Amino acid sequence: MRRLLSGATALAFASTIAFAGMATAAEEPGAPEVMAVPAVLVNEVSTMGPNGPLDEAIEIVNTTDQQLDLTNWVLKIYNQQNQVIQTIPLMDSLSQPIVLAPKNNVGSTLVLTGAEFSGTTSTQHVLPVNFLGVEGIPVYGGVAIFGSNAPTAFKIDGVAFSASAVTPKESVNASPETAQTAALNGSNTRNILGQDTNNNQRDFSLQERTF
């Protein structure tokens, strides 16, 4: 569920985003295109938090009316140079495939949590991850979901936080987090649950974490 920011928190987020720099008028995307929504979407990404750079998490969500078996699926983490720095099989702690419940049901989401994660989750599918490096998920990197780890695997969905992370990026990148948004418990959150216009800037904004 999306939570609206209010008062000083909303103002702080607004000023932080303005300071970080949104797209110029020339970069502003046009009207959303009508397109099919992928079976699974990246719904929320927090690259840092109040506990530091490893206070991070990624939420993915099933958008279909059916159970979804994630056998062989992987999530890849990219740095600002568009290099894959980590490939994470979407399996549980016993190395068994995760099966997501149909959309809008308990168990329809999967949350991957970093070593210093300070939030709370309401899904039964939580995957603790040792994100690599001192930064974990790079602030100017990105994440993407694939149906397998094969070199030719099709990207199902992705989001990037810089223009140079081209593989996870869809059209214009989302705004990167900052120390200010981390202190406010922020994350890049999909603006409308289950909507995907293939434009990260349009689909995501910096909001208060929902996990």
N, C-alpha and C. Protein backbone atom coordinates (compact mmCIF):
# COMPACT_ATOMS: atom_id res chain seq x y z
N MET A 1 0.84 -1.18 0.00
CA MET A 1 0.00 0.00 0.00
C MET A 1 0.88 1.24 0.00
N ARG A 2 0.52 2.21 -0.82
CA ARG A 2 1.28 3.44 -0.86
C ARG A 2 0.91 4.33 0.30
N ARG A 3 1.89 4.95 0.92
CA ARG A 3 1.66 5.88 2.02
C ARG A 3 2.02 7.27 1.55
N LEU A 4 1.14 8.23 1.82
CA LEU A 4 1.40 9.60 1.41
C LEU A 4 2.25 10.29 2.44
N LEU A 5 3.21 11.09 1.98
CA LEU A 5 4.02 11.88 2.89
C LEU A 5 3.25 13.14 3.26
N SER A 6 3.53 13.65 4.46
CA SER A 6 2.83 14.84 4.90
C SER A 6 3.77 15.76 5.64
N GLY A 7 3.37 17.02 5.73
CA GLY A 7 4.09 18.00 6.52
C GLY A 7 5.54 18.14 6.14
N ALA A 8 6.41 18.20 7.16
CA ALA A 8 7.84 18.44 6.95
C ALA A 8 8.49 17.34 6.14
N THR A 9 8.01 16.10 6.32
CA THR A 9 8.61 15.00 5.57
C THR A 9 8.40 15.16 4.09
N ALA A 10 7.16 15.52 3.69
CA ALA A 10 6.89 15.72 2.27
C ALA A 10 7.72 16.86 1.71
N LEU A 11 7.82 17.95 2.48
CA LEU A 11 8.61 19.09 2.02
C LEU A 11 10.07 18.71 1.89
N ALA A 12 10.57 17.92 2.83
CA ALA A 12 11.97 17.51 2.79
C ALA A 12 12.25 16.66 1.56
N PHE A 13 11.33 15.74 1.26
CA PHE A 13 11.51 14.92 0.06
C PHE A 13 11.45 15.78 -1.18
N ALA A 14 10.51 16.70 -1.23
CA ALA A 14 10.38 17.55 -2.41
C ALA A 14 11.63 18.37 -2.64
N SER A 15 12.18 18.96 -1.57
CA SER A 15 13.37 19.78 -1.73
C SER A 15 14.57 18.94 -2.08
N THR A 16 14.63 17.71 -1.54
CA THR A 16 15.75 16.81 -1.86
C THR A 16 15.73 16.42 -3.32
N ILE A 17 14.55 16.07 -3.83
CA ILE A 17 14.43 15.69 -5.23
C ILE A 17 14.79 16.87 -6.13
N ALA A 18 14.32 18.06 -5.77
CA ALA A 18 14.65 19.23 -6.57
C ALA A 18 16.14 19.47 -6.58
N PHE A 19 16.79 19.28 -5.42
CA PHE A 19 18.22 19.49 -5.33
C PHE A 19 18.98 18.47 -6.17
N ALA A 20 18.49 17.21 -6.14
CA ALA A 20 19.15 16.16 -6.91
C ALA A 20 19.02 16.41 -8.39
N GLY A 21 17.92 17.07 -8.80
CA GLY A 21 17.77 17.42 -10.20
C GLY A 21 16.89 16.43 -10.95
N MET A 22 15.68 16.87 -11.27
CA MET A 22 14.82 16.05 -12.12
C MET A 22 15.17 16.34 -13.56
N ALA A 23 14.47 15.67 -14.51
CA ALA A 23 14.76 15.88 -15.93
C ALA A 23 14.42 17.30 -16.34
N THR A 24 15.14 17.82 -17.29
CA THR A 24 14.83 19.13 -17.84
C THR A 24 13.59 19.02 -18.70
N ALA A 25 13.07 20.17 -19.12
CA ALA A 25 11.87 20.16 -19.95
C ALA A 25 12.09 19.37 -21.22
N ALA A 26 13.30 19.42 -21.76
CA ALA A 26 13.60 18.68 -22.99
C ALA A 26 13.56 17.18 -22.78
N GLU A 27 13.82 16.74 -21.53
CA GLU A 27 13.86 15.32 -21.23
C GLU A 27 12.51 14.79 -20.76
N GLU A 28 11.58 15.69 -20.44
CA GLU A 28 10.32 15.29 -19.85
C GLU A 28 9.57 14.36 -20.79
N PRO A 29 9.19 13.16 -20.32
CA PRO A 29 8.50 12.22 -21.21
C PRO A 29 7.11 12.67 -21.56
N GLY A 30 6.60 12.20 -22.67
CA GLY A 30 5.25 12.54 -23.10
C GLY A 30 4.22 11.67 -22.43
N ALA A 31 3.06 11.58 -23.04
CA ALA A 31 1.97 10.80 -22.46
C ALA A 31 2.34 9.32 -22.41
N PRO A 32 1.91 8.61 -21.35
CA PRO A 32 2.22 7.19 -21.25
C PRO A 32 1.68 6.39 -22.43
N GLU A 33 2.42 5.39 -22.86
CA GLU A 33 1.95 4.50 -23.90
C GLU A 33 1.17 3.35 -23.25
N VAL A 34 0.22 2.81 -23.99
CA VAL A 34 -0.52 1.65 -23.51
C VAL A 34 0.28 0.41 -23.90
N MET A 35 0.60 -0.44 -22.94
CA MET A 35 1.43 -1.61 -23.21
C MET A 35 1.13 -2.70 -22.18
N ALA A 36 1.51 -3.91 -22.53
CA ALA A 36 1.30 -5.03 -21.63
C ALA A 36 2.21 -4.91 -20.41
N VAL A 37 1.69 -5.25 -19.25
CA VAL A 37 2.47 -5.21 -18.01
C VAL A 37 3.18 -6.54 -17.85
N PRO A 38 4.48 -6.52 -17.53
CA PRO A 38 5.20 -7.79 -17.31
C PRO A 38 4.59 -8.60 -16.17
N ALA A 39 4.84 -9.91 -16.17
CA ALA A 39 4.30 -10.78 -15.13
C ALA A 39 4.80 -10.38 -13.75
N VAL A 40 6.04 -9.90 -13.69
CA VAL A 40 6.63 -9.45 -12.42
C VAL A 40 7.23 -8.08 -12.63
N LEU A 41 7.01 -7.20 -11.68
CA LEU A 41 7.57 -5.86 -11.73
C LEU A 41 8.48 -5.61 -10.53
N VAL A 42 9.54 -4.83 -10.76
CA VAL A 42 10.27 -4.24 -9.65
C VAL A 42 9.36 -3.16 -9.08
N ASN A 43 8.98 -3.29 -7.83
CA ASN A 43 8.00 -2.39 -7.25
C ASN A 43 8.62 -1.30 -6.38
N GLU A 44 9.76 -1.61 -5.76
CA GLU A 44 10.38 -0.64 -4.85
C GLU A 44 11.84 -1.02 -4.65
N VAL A 45 12.70 0.00 -4.63
CA VAL A 45 14.13 -0.22 -4.40
C VAL A 45 14.63 0.86 -3.45
N SER A 46 15.27 0.42 -2.38
CA SER A 46 15.94 1.34 -1.46
C SER A 46 17.42 1.02 -1.48
N THR A 47 18.24 1.96 -1.96
CA THR A 47 19.67 1.72 -2.09
C THR A 47 20.46 2.10 -0.84
N MET A 48 19.81 2.74 0.11
CA MET A 48 20.44 3.09 1.39
C MET A 48 19.35 3.46 2.37
N GLY A 49 19.71 3.58 3.65
CA GLY A 49 18.71 3.93 4.64
C GLY A 49 19.33 4.53 5.88
N PRO A 50 18.55 4.70 6.94
CA PRO A 50 19.06 5.31 8.17
C PRO A 50 20.25 4.57 8.76
N ASN A 51 20.35 3.25 8.51
CA ASN A 51 21.47 2.46 9.03
C ASN A 51 22.69 2.46 8.10
N GLY A 52 22.61 3.19 7.00
CA GLY A 52 23.76 3.28 6.12
C GLY A 52 23.54 2.64 4.77
N PRO A 53 24.61 2.45 3.97
CA PRO A 53 24.48 1.97 2.59
C PRO A 53 23.97 0.54 2.46
N LEU A 54 24.08 -0.28 3.50
CA LEU A 54 23.58 -1.65 3.43
C LEU A 54 22.20 -1.81 4.06
N ASP A 55 21.60 -0.68 4.44
CA ASP A 55 20.21 -0.67 4.90
C ASP A 55 19.35 -0.51 3.64
N GLU A 56 19.16 -1.61 2.93
CA GLU A 56 18.57 -1.54 1.59
C GLU A 56 17.68 -2.73 1.34
N ALA A 57 16.83 -2.61 0.33
CA ALA A 57 15.91 -3.69 0.00
C ALA A 57 15.35 -3.50 -1.40
N ILE A 58 14.88 -4.60 -1.97
CA ILE A 58 14.23 -4.60 -3.28
C ILE A 58 12.93 -5.40 -3.14
N GLU A 59 11.84 -4.84 -3.62
CA GLU A 59 10.57 -5.57 -3.63
C GLU A 59 10.15 -5.83 -5.07
N ILE A 60 9.79 -7.09 -5.37
CA ILE A 60 9.20 -7.41 -6.65
C ILE A 60 7.80 -7.96 -6.42
N VAL A 61 6.91 -7.81 -7.41
CA VAL A 61 5.51 -8.15 -7.21
C VAL A 61 4.96 -8.89 -8.43
N ASN A 62 4.14 -9.90 -8.15
CA ASN A 62 3.42 -10.63 -9.18
C ASN A 62 2.25 -9.78 -9.66
N THR A 63 2.13 -9.56 -10.96
CA THR A 63 1.05 -8.75 -11.50
C THR A 63 -0.06 -9.60 -12.14
N THR A 64 0.07 -10.91 -12.08
CA THR A 64 -0.89 -11.80 -12.75
C THR A 64 -1.92 -12.35 -11.77
N ASP A 65 -2.94 -13.00 -12.33
CA ASP A 65 -3.98 -13.63 -11.52
C ASP A 65 -3.65 -15.07 -11.18
N GLN A 66 -2.43 -15.51 -11.51
CA GLN A 66 -2.02 -16.88 -11.27
C GLN A 66 -0.81 -16.93 -10.35
N GLN A 67 -0.60 -18.08 -9.70
CA GLN A 67 0.65 -18.29 -8.99
C GLN A 67 1.80 -18.22 -9.99
N LEU A 68 2.95 -17.74 -9.53
CA LEU A 68 4.09 -17.59 -10.44
C LEU A 68 5.31 -18.25 -9.83
N ASP A 69 5.78 -19.31 -10.48
CA ASP A 69 6.95 -20.06 -10.03
C ASP A 69 8.20 -19.38 -10.57
N LEU A 70 9.08 -18.97 -9.67
CA LEU A 70 10.29 -18.23 -10.07
C LEU A 70 11.49 -19.14 -10.29
N THR A 71 11.25 -20.42 -10.58
CA THR A 71 12.35 -21.34 -10.88
C THR A 71 13.23 -20.77 -11.99
N ASN A 72 14.53 -20.74 -11.74
CA ASN A 72 15.56 -20.25 -12.67
C ASN A 72 15.62 -18.73 -12.80
N TRP A 73 14.69 -18.00 -12.20
CA TRP A 73 14.70 -16.54 -12.32
C TRP A 73 15.86 -15.96 -11.50
N VAL A 74 16.38 -14.84 -11.96
CA VAL A 74 17.46 -14.16 -11.25
C VAL A 74 17.20 -12.66 -11.24
N LEU A 75 17.77 -12.02 -10.26
CA LEU A 75 17.80 -10.56 -10.20
C LEU A 75 19.25 -10.12 -10.30
N LYS A 76 19.54 -9.18 -11.19
CA LYS A 76 20.91 -8.71 -11.39
C LYS A 76 21.06 -7.28 -10.90
N ILE A 77 22.19 -7.04 -10.23
CA ILE A 77 22.53 -5.70 -9.72
C ILE A 77 23.60 -5.11 -10.64
N TYR A 78 23.39 -3.86 -11.05
CA TYR A 78 24.31 -3.18 -11.97
C TYR A 78 24.92 -1.96 -11.29
N ASN A 79 26.17 -1.66 -11.67
CA ASN A 79 26.79 -0.42 -11.20
C ASN A 79 26.57 0.69 -12.23
N GLN A 80 27.12 1.86 -11.96
CA GLN A 80 26.91 3.00 -12.83
C GLN A 80 27.52 2.80 -14.22
N GLN A 81 28.51 1.91 -14.32
CA GLN A 81 29.15 1.61 -15.60
C GLN A 81 28.42 0.51 -16.37
N ASN A 82 27.22 0.14 -15.89
CA ASN A 82 26.38 -0.89 -16.51
C ASN A 82 26.99 -2.28 -16.44
N GLN A 83 27.85 -2.50 -15.46
CA GLN A 83 28.44 -3.82 -15.25
C GLN A 83 27.60 -4.59 -14.23
N VAL A 84 27.38 -5.88 -14.50
CA VAL A 84 26.69 -6.72 -13.52
C VAL A 84 27.65 -7.01 -12.38
N ILE A 85 27.31 -6.58 -11.19
CA ILE A 85 28.18 -6.79 -10.04
C ILE A 85 27.67 -7.91 -9.13
N GLN A 86 26.43 -8.36 -9.36
CA GLN A 86 25.91 -9.47 -8.56
C GLN A 86 24.69 -10.06 -9.27
N THR A 87 24.62 -11.38 -9.29
CA THR A 87 23.45 -12.10 -9.82
C THR A 87 22.86 -12.92 -8.69
N ILE A 88 21.59 -12.71 -8.39
CA ILE A 88 20.95 -13.32 -7.24
C ILE A 88 19.86 -14.27 -7.70
N PRO A 89 20.03 -15.59 -7.52
CA PRO A 89 18.94 -16.53 -7.84
C PRO A 89 17.75 -16.28 -6.91
N LEU A 90 16.55 -16.30 -7.47
CA LEU A 90 15.35 -16.05 -6.67
C LEU A 90 14.86 -17.36 -6.06
N MET A 91 15.62 -17.82 -5.06
CA MET A 91 15.31 -19.04 -4.32
C MET A 91 15.29 -18.72 -2.83
N ASP A 92 14.59 -19.55 -2.06
CA ASP A 92 14.50 -19.30 -0.63
C ASP A 92 15.77 -19.76 0.09
N SER A 93 15.75 -19.67 1.41
CA SER A 93 16.94 -19.98 2.20
C SER A 93 17.34 -21.45 2.11
N LEU A 94 16.42 -22.31 1.66
CA LEU A 94 16.71 -23.74 1.50
C LEU A 94 17.03 -24.06 0.04
N SER A 95 17.28 -23.02 -0.76
CA SER A 95 17.59 -23.15 -2.19
C SER A 95 16.44 -23.76 -2.98
N GLN A 96 15.22 -23.54 -2.52
CA GLN A 96 14.03 -23.97 -3.23
C GLN A 96 13.42 -22.79 -3.98
N PRO A 97 12.84 -23.02 -5.17
CA PRO A 97 12.23 -21.93 -5.92
C PRO A 97 11.11 -21.25 -5.14
N ILE A 98 10.96 -19.97 -5.32
CA ILE A 98 9.90 -19.21 -4.68
C ILE A 98 8.70 -19.18 -5.61
N VAL A 99 7.51 -19.39 -5.05
CA VAL A 99 6.27 -19.31 -5.82
C VAL A 99 5.46 -18.14 -5.26
N LEU A 100 5.24 -17.14 -6.10
CA LEU A 100 4.48 -15.97 -5.67
C LEU A 100 2.98 -16.22 -5.84
N ALA A 101 2.22 -15.78 -4.86
CA ALA A 101 0.77 -15.88 -4.94
C ALA A 101 0.23 -14.92 -6.01
N PRO A 102 -1.01 -15.12 -6.48
CA PRO A 102 -1.60 -14.18 -7.43
C PRO A 102 -1.63 -12.76 -6.87
N LYS A 103 -1.69 -11.77 -7.76
CA LYS A 103 -1.67 -10.37 -7.35
C LYS A 103 -2.75 -10.07 -6.32
N ASN A 104 -2.44 -9.11 -5.47
CA ASN A 104 -3.35 -8.63 -4.43
C ASN A 104 -3.66 -9.68 -3.36
N ASN A 105 -2.81 -10.70 -3.28
CA ASN A 105 -2.95 -11.71 -2.23
C ASN A 105 -1.69 -11.72 -1.37
N VAL A 106 -1.84 -12.22 -0.14
CA VAL A 106 -0.67 -12.40 0.72
C VAL A 106 0.30 -13.35 0.02
N GLY A 107 1.56 -12.97 -0.04
CA GLY A 107 2.55 -13.80 -0.70
C GLY A 107 2.76 -13.48 -2.16
N SER A 108 2.15 -12.39 -2.64
CA SER A 108 2.33 -12.01 -4.05
C SER A 108 3.59 -11.18 -4.27
N THR A 109 4.28 -10.84 -3.19
CA THR A 109 5.50 -10.05 -3.30
C THR A 109 6.69 -10.80 -2.69
N LEU A 110 7.87 -10.42 -3.16
CA LEU A 110 9.14 -10.92 -2.63
C LEU A 110 10.00 -9.73 -2.28
N VAL A 111 10.56 -9.72 -1.07
CA VAL A 111 11.43 -8.62 -0.65
C VAL A 111 12.82 -9.18 -0.37
N LEU A 112 13.81 -8.64 -1.07
CA LEU A 112 15.21 -8.98 -0.83
C LEU A 112 15.79 -7.91 0.09
N THR A 113 16.33 -8.31 1.22
CA THR A 113 16.79 -7.36 2.23
C THR A 113 18.29 -7.43 2.44
N GLY A 114 18.92 -6.26 2.64
CA GLY A 114 20.35 -6.17 2.88
C GLY A 114 20.72 -6.47 4.32
N ALA A 115 22.02 -6.51 4.57
CA ALA A 115 22.54 -6.92 5.88
C ALA A 115 22.12 -6.00 7.01
N GLU A 116 21.94 -4.71 6.72
CA GLU A 116 21.60 -3.73 7.76
C GLU A 116 20.18 -3.22 7.61
N PHE A 117 19.33 -4.00 6.97
CA PHE A 117 17.95 -3.56 6.71
C PHE A 117 17.22 -3.21 7.99
N SER A 118 16.62 -2.02 8.03
CA SER A 118 15.98 -1.53 9.25
C SER A 118 14.46 -1.54 9.17
N GLY A 119 13.91 -1.97 8.03
CA GLY A 119 12.46 -1.92 7.86
C GLY A 119 11.77 -3.17 8.34
N THR A 120 10.48 -3.26 8.04
CA THR A 120 9.68 -4.44 8.36
C THR A 120 8.94 -4.86 7.10
N THR A 121 8.65 -6.14 6.98
CA THR A 121 7.96 -6.65 5.80
C THR A 121 6.70 -7.39 6.21
N SER A 122 5.72 -7.40 5.29
CA SER A 122 4.45 -8.08 5.58
C SER A 122 4.26 -9.30 4.70
N THR A 123 5.23 -9.61 3.85
CA THR A 123 5.12 -10.77 2.98
C THR A 123 5.80 -11.99 3.58
N GLN A 124 5.34 -13.17 3.19
CA GLN A 124 5.97 -14.40 3.66
C GLN A 124 7.26 -14.68 2.91
N HIS A 125 7.47 -14.00 1.79
CA HIS A 125 8.66 -14.23 0.97
C HIS A 125 9.68 -13.12 1.23
N VAL A 126 10.61 -13.39 2.13
CA VAL A 126 11.69 -12.45 2.44
C VAL A 126 13.00 -13.18 2.21
N LEU A 127 13.86 -12.59 1.40
CA LEU A 127 15.13 -13.22 1.05
C LEU A 127 16.29 -12.34 1.53
N PRO A 128 16.91 -12.67 2.66
CA PRO A 128 18.09 -11.90 3.10
C PRO A 128 19.23 -12.10 2.10
N VAL A 129 19.86 -11.00 1.71
CA VAL A 129 20.91 -11.05 0.69
C VAL A 129 22.15 -10.35 1.21
N ASN A 130 23.29 -10.96 0.98
CA ASN A 130 24.57 -10.31 1.25
C ASN A 130 24.96 -9.52 0.01
N PHE A 131 24.38 -8.31 -0.13
CA PHE A 131 24.72 -7.48 -1.27
C PHE A 131 26.21 -7.17 -1.21
N LEU A 132 26.89 -7.28 -2.34
CA LEU A 132 28.35 -7.21 -2.37
C LEU A 132 28.87 -5.78 -2.29
N GLY A 133 30.08 -5.66 -1.76
CA GLY A 133 30.76 -4.37 -1.71
C GLY A 133 30.28 -3.50 -0.55
N VAL A 134 30.95 -2.38 -0.36
CA VAL A 134 30.61 -1.48 0.74
C VAL A 134 29.31 -0.73 0.47
N GLU A 135 28.91 -0.66 -0.80
CA GLU A 135 27.72 0.09 -1.16
C GLU A 135 26.50 -0.81 -1.36
N GLY A 136 26.72 -2.09 -1.62
CA GLY A 136 25.59 -2.95 -1.90
C GLY A 136 24.97 -2.59 -3.24
N ILE A 137 23.70 -2.24 -3.23
CA ILE A 137 23.04 -1.77 -4.45
C ILE A 137 23.56 -0.36 -4.73
N PRO A 138 24.26 -0.13 -5.83
CA PRO A 138 24.83 1.19 -6.08
C PRO A 138 23.77 2.27 -6.23
N VAL A 139 24.01 3.41 -5.61
CA VAL A 139 23.07 4.52 -5.66
C VAL A 139 22.80 4.95 -7.10
N TYR A 140 23.84 4.88 -7.96
CA TYR A 140 23.69 5.28 -9.36
C TYR A 140 23.65 4.07 -10.29
N GLY A 141 23.36 2.91 -9.75
CA GLY A 141 23.28 1.70 -10.55
C GLY A 141 21.85 1.37 -10.94
N GLY A 142 21.51 0.09 -10.83
CA GLY A 142 20.16 -0.34 -11.17
C GLY A 142 19.97 -1.81 -10.88
N VAL A 143 18.73 -2.27 -11.02
CA VAL A 143 18.41 -3.68 -10.81
C VAL A 143 17.49 -4.14 -11.94
N ALA A 144 17.57 -5.43 -12.29
CA ALA A 144 16.72 -5.97 -13.34
C ALA A 144 16.41 -7.43 -13.06
N ILE A 145 15.23 -7.88 -13.50
CA ILE A 145 14.78 -9.26 -13.33
C ILE A 145 14.86 -9.98 -14.67
N PHE A 146 15.36 -11.21 -14.64
CA PHE A 146 15.45 -12.04 -15.83
C PHE A 146 14.84 -13.41 -15.53
N GLY A 147 14.29 -14.05 -16.57
CA GLY A 147 13.70 -15.37 -16.41
C GLY A 147 14.71 -16.49 -16.29
N SER A 148 15.98 -16.21 -16.56
CA SER A 148 17.07 -17.16 -16.36
C SER A 148 18.37 -16.39 -16.36
N ASN A 149 19.47 -17.09 -16.10
CA ASN A 149 20.78 -16.44 -16.11
C ASN A 149 21.50 -16.66 -17.45
N ALA A 150 20.79 -17.15 -18.45
CA ALA A 150 21.39 -17.34 -19.76
C ALA A 150 21.77 -15.99 -20.37
N PRO A 151 22.87 -15.93 -21.13
CA PRO A 151 23.28 -14.64 -21.74
C PRO A 151 22.20 -14.02 -22.62
N THR A 152 21.34 -14.86 -23.20
CA THR A 152 20.29 -14.36 -24.08
C THR A 152 18.95 -14.16 -23.38
N ALA A 153 18.93 -14.28 -22.06
CA ALA A 153 17.66 -14.17 -21.32
C ALA A 153 17.04 -12.79 -21.51
N PHE A 154 15.72 -12.77 -21.65
CA PHE A 154 14.98 -11.53 -21.86
C PHE A 154 14.80 -10.81 -20.52
N LYS A 155 15.03 -9.51 -20.52
CA LYS A 155 14.81 -8.71 -19.31
C LYS A 155 13.31 -8.55 -19.10
N ILE A 156 12.83 -8.94 -17.94
CA ILE A 156 11.40 -8.84 -17.65
C ILE A 156 11.05 -7.44 -17.16
N ASP A 157 11.86 -6.89 -16.27
CA ASP A 157 11.63 -5.52 -15.78
C ASP A 157 12.90 -5.01 -15.16
N GLY A 158 13.03 -3.70 -15.08
CA GLY A 158 14.21 -3.11 -14.47
C GLY A 158 14.02 -1.65 -14.16
N VAL A 159 14.91 -1.14 -13.31
CA VAL A 159 14.93 0.28 -12.99
C VAL A 159 16.38 0.69 -12.74
N ALA A 160 16.74 1.86 -13.25
CA ALA A 160 18.09 2.39 -13.07
C ALA A 160 18.02 3.79 -12.48
N PHE A 161 19.13 4.17 -11.84
CA PHE A 161 19.18 5.46 -11.15
C PHE A 161 20.23 6.39 -11.75
N SER A 162 20.68 6.06 -12.95
CA SER A 162 21.55 6.94 -13.73
C SER A 162 21.38 6.59 -15.19
N ALA A 163 21.67 7.53 -16.07
CA ALA A 163 21.50 7.31 -17.51
C ALA A 163 22.46 6.26 -18.03
N SER A 164 23.61 6.10 -17.37
CA SER A 164 24.65 5.20 -17.87
C SER A 164 24.39 3.73 -17.54
N ALA A 165 23.48 3.44 -16.62
CA ALA A 165 23.12 2.05 -16.31
C ALA A 165 22.05 1.61 -17.31
N VAL A 166 22.47 1.35 -18.54
CA VAL A 166 21.53 1.25 -19.65
C VAL A 166 20.74 -0.06 -19.67
N THR A 167 21.31 -1.16 -19.18
CA THR A 167 20.57 -2.43 -19.25
C THR A 167 19.34 -2.44 -18.35
N PRO A 168 19.45 -2.07 -17.08
CA PRO A 168 18.23 -2.05 -16.27
C PRO A 168 17.31 -0.87 -16.57
N LYS A 169 17.83 0.17 -17.21
CA LYS A 169 17.06 1.41 -17.41
C LYS A 169 15.96 1.22 -18.43
N GLU A 170 14.83 1.86 -18.18
CA GLU A 170 13.74 1.94 -19.14
C GLU A 170 13.50 3.42 -19.43
N SER A 171 13.83 3.82 -20.66
CA SER A 171 13.71 5.21 -21.11
C SER A 171 14.54 6.13 -20.21
N VAL A 172 13.92 7.01 -19.42
CA VAL A 172 14.64 7.96 -18.57
C VAL A 172 14.78 7.37 -17.17
N ASN A 173 15.99 7.44 -16.60
CA ASN A 173 16.24 6.85 -15.28
C ASN A 173 15.47 7.53 -14.17
N ALA A 174 15.24 6.79 -13.10
CA ALA A 174 14.64 7.34 -11.88
C ALA A 174 15.69 8.18 -11.14
N SER A 175 15.25 9.02 -10.23
CA SER A 175 16.16 9.86 -9.45
C SER A 175 16.90 9.03 -8.41
N PRO A 176 18.21 9.21 -8.28
CA PRO A 176 18.95 8.46 -7.26
C PRO A 176 18.64 8.96 -5.85
N GLU A 177 18.82 8.08 -4.88
CA GLU A 177 18.67 8.48 -3.49
C GLU A 177 19.87 9.31 -3.04
N THR A 178 19.70 10.01 -1.94
CA THR A 178 20.75 10.83 -1.36
C THR A 178 20.81 10.56 0.14
N ALA A 179 21.80 11.13 0.80
CA ALA A 179 21.90 11.00 2.25
C ALA A 179 20.65 11.56 2.92
N GLN A 180 20.09 12.64 2.33
CA GLN A 180 18.89 13.24 2.92
C GLN A 180 17.68 12.31 2.82
N THR A 181 17.48 11.68 1.66
CA THR A 181 16.33 10.78 1.54
C THR A 181 16.54 9.52 2.38
N ALA A 182 17.78 9.07 2.51
CA ALA A 182 18.06 7.90 3.36
C ALA A 182 17.69 8.19 4.81
N ALA A 183 18.04 9.39 5.29
CA ALA A 183 17.72 9.75 6.66
C ALA A 183 16.21 9.82 6.89
N LEU A 184 15.46 10.09 5.81
CA LEU A 184 14.00 10.16 5.89
C LEU A 184 13.35 8.82 5.60
N ASN A 185 14.17 7.75 5.53
CA ASN A 185 13.64 6.41 5.30
C ASN A 185 12.99 6.30 3.93
N GLY A 186 13.64 6.86 2.92
CA GLY A 186 13.08 6.91 1.59
C GLY A 186 13.45 5.73 0.72
N SER A 187 12.77 5.64 -0.42
CA SER A 187 13.08 4.62 -1.42
C SER A 187 12.49 5.06 -2.75
N ASN A 188 12.94 4.43 -3.83
CA ASN A 188 12.30 4.62 -5.12
C ASN A 188 11.13 3.66 -5.21
N THR A 189 9.93 4.21 -5.26
CA THR A 189 8.71 3.41 -5.19
C THR A 189 7.89 3.63 -6.45
N ARG A 190 7.33 2.54 -6.98
CA ARG A 190 6.47 2.65 -8.16
C ARG A 190 5.25 3.50 -7.81
N ASN A 191 4.95 4.48 -8.65
CA ASN A 191 3.88 5.43 -8.33
C ASN A 191 2.50 4.80 -8.34
N ILE A 192 2.25 3.89 -9.27
CA ILE A 192 0.96 3.20 -9.34
C ILE A 192 1.24 1.71 -9.37
N LEU A 193 0.77 1.01 -8.35
CA LEU A 193 1.02 -0.42 -8.25
C LEU A 193 0.48 -1.14 -9.48
N GLY A 194 1.34 -1.94 -10.10
CA GLY A 194 0.91 -2.72 -11.26
C GLY A 194 0.93 -1.98 -12.57
N GLN A 195 1.36 -0.72 -12.57
CA GLN A 195 1.46 0.03 -13.83
C GLN A 195 2.92 0.12 -14.26
N ASP A 196 3.15 -0.06 -15.55
CA ASP A 196 4.50 0.04 -16.10
C ASP A 196 4.42 0.71 -17.46
N THR A 197 5.00 1.90 -17.58
CA THR A 197 5.00 2.62 -18.86
C THR A 197 6.34 2.53 -19.57
N ASN A 198 7.24 1.68 -19.05
CA ASN A 198 8.59 1.54 -19.61
C ASN A 198 9.35 2.86 -19.57
N ASN A 199 9.11 3.64 -18.54
CA ASN A 199 9.84 4.88 -18.31
C ASN A 199 10.08 5.00 -16.80
N ASN A 200 11.32 4.77 -16.36
CA ASN A 200 11.60 4.76 -14.92
C ASN A 200 11.27 6.08 -14.26
N GLN A 201 11.53 7.18 -14.95
CA GLN A 201 11.26 8.48 -14.34
C GLN A 201 9.77 8.69 -14.10
N ARG A 202 8.96 8.21 -15.02
CA ARG A 202 7.51 8.35 -14.89
C ARG A 202 6.94 7.36 -13.87
N ASP A 203 7.52 6.16 -13.84
CA ASP A 203 6.94 5.10 -13.01
C ASP A 203 7.37 5.14 -11.55
N PHE A 204 8.54 5.76 -11.26
CA PHE A 204 9.08 5.75 -9.91
C PHE A 204 9.27 7.17 -9.38
N SER A 205 9.15 7.30 -8.06
CA SER A 205 9.50 8.55 -7.40
C SER A 205 10.01 8.24 -6.00
N LEU A 206 10.74 9.20 -5.43
CA LEU A 206 11.28 9.02 -4.08
C LEU A 206 10.18 9.28 -3.06
N GLN A 207 9.86 8.25 -2.30
CA GLN A 207 8.79 8.30 -1.31
C GLN A 207 9.27 7.62 -0.04
N GLU A 208 8.44 7.67 0.99
CA GLU A 208 8.74 6.94 2.20
C GLU A 208 8.63 5.44 1.93
N ARG A 209 9.55 4.66 2.49
CA ARG A 209 9.51 3.22 2.30
C ARG A 209 8.16 2.62 2.67
N THR A 210 7.76 1.59 1.90
CA THR A 210 6.56 0.84 2.29
C THR A 210 6.93 -0.50 2.89
N PHE A 211 8.24 -0.82 3.00
CA PHE A 211 8.66 -2.03 3.73
C PHE A 211 9.55 -1.61 4.88
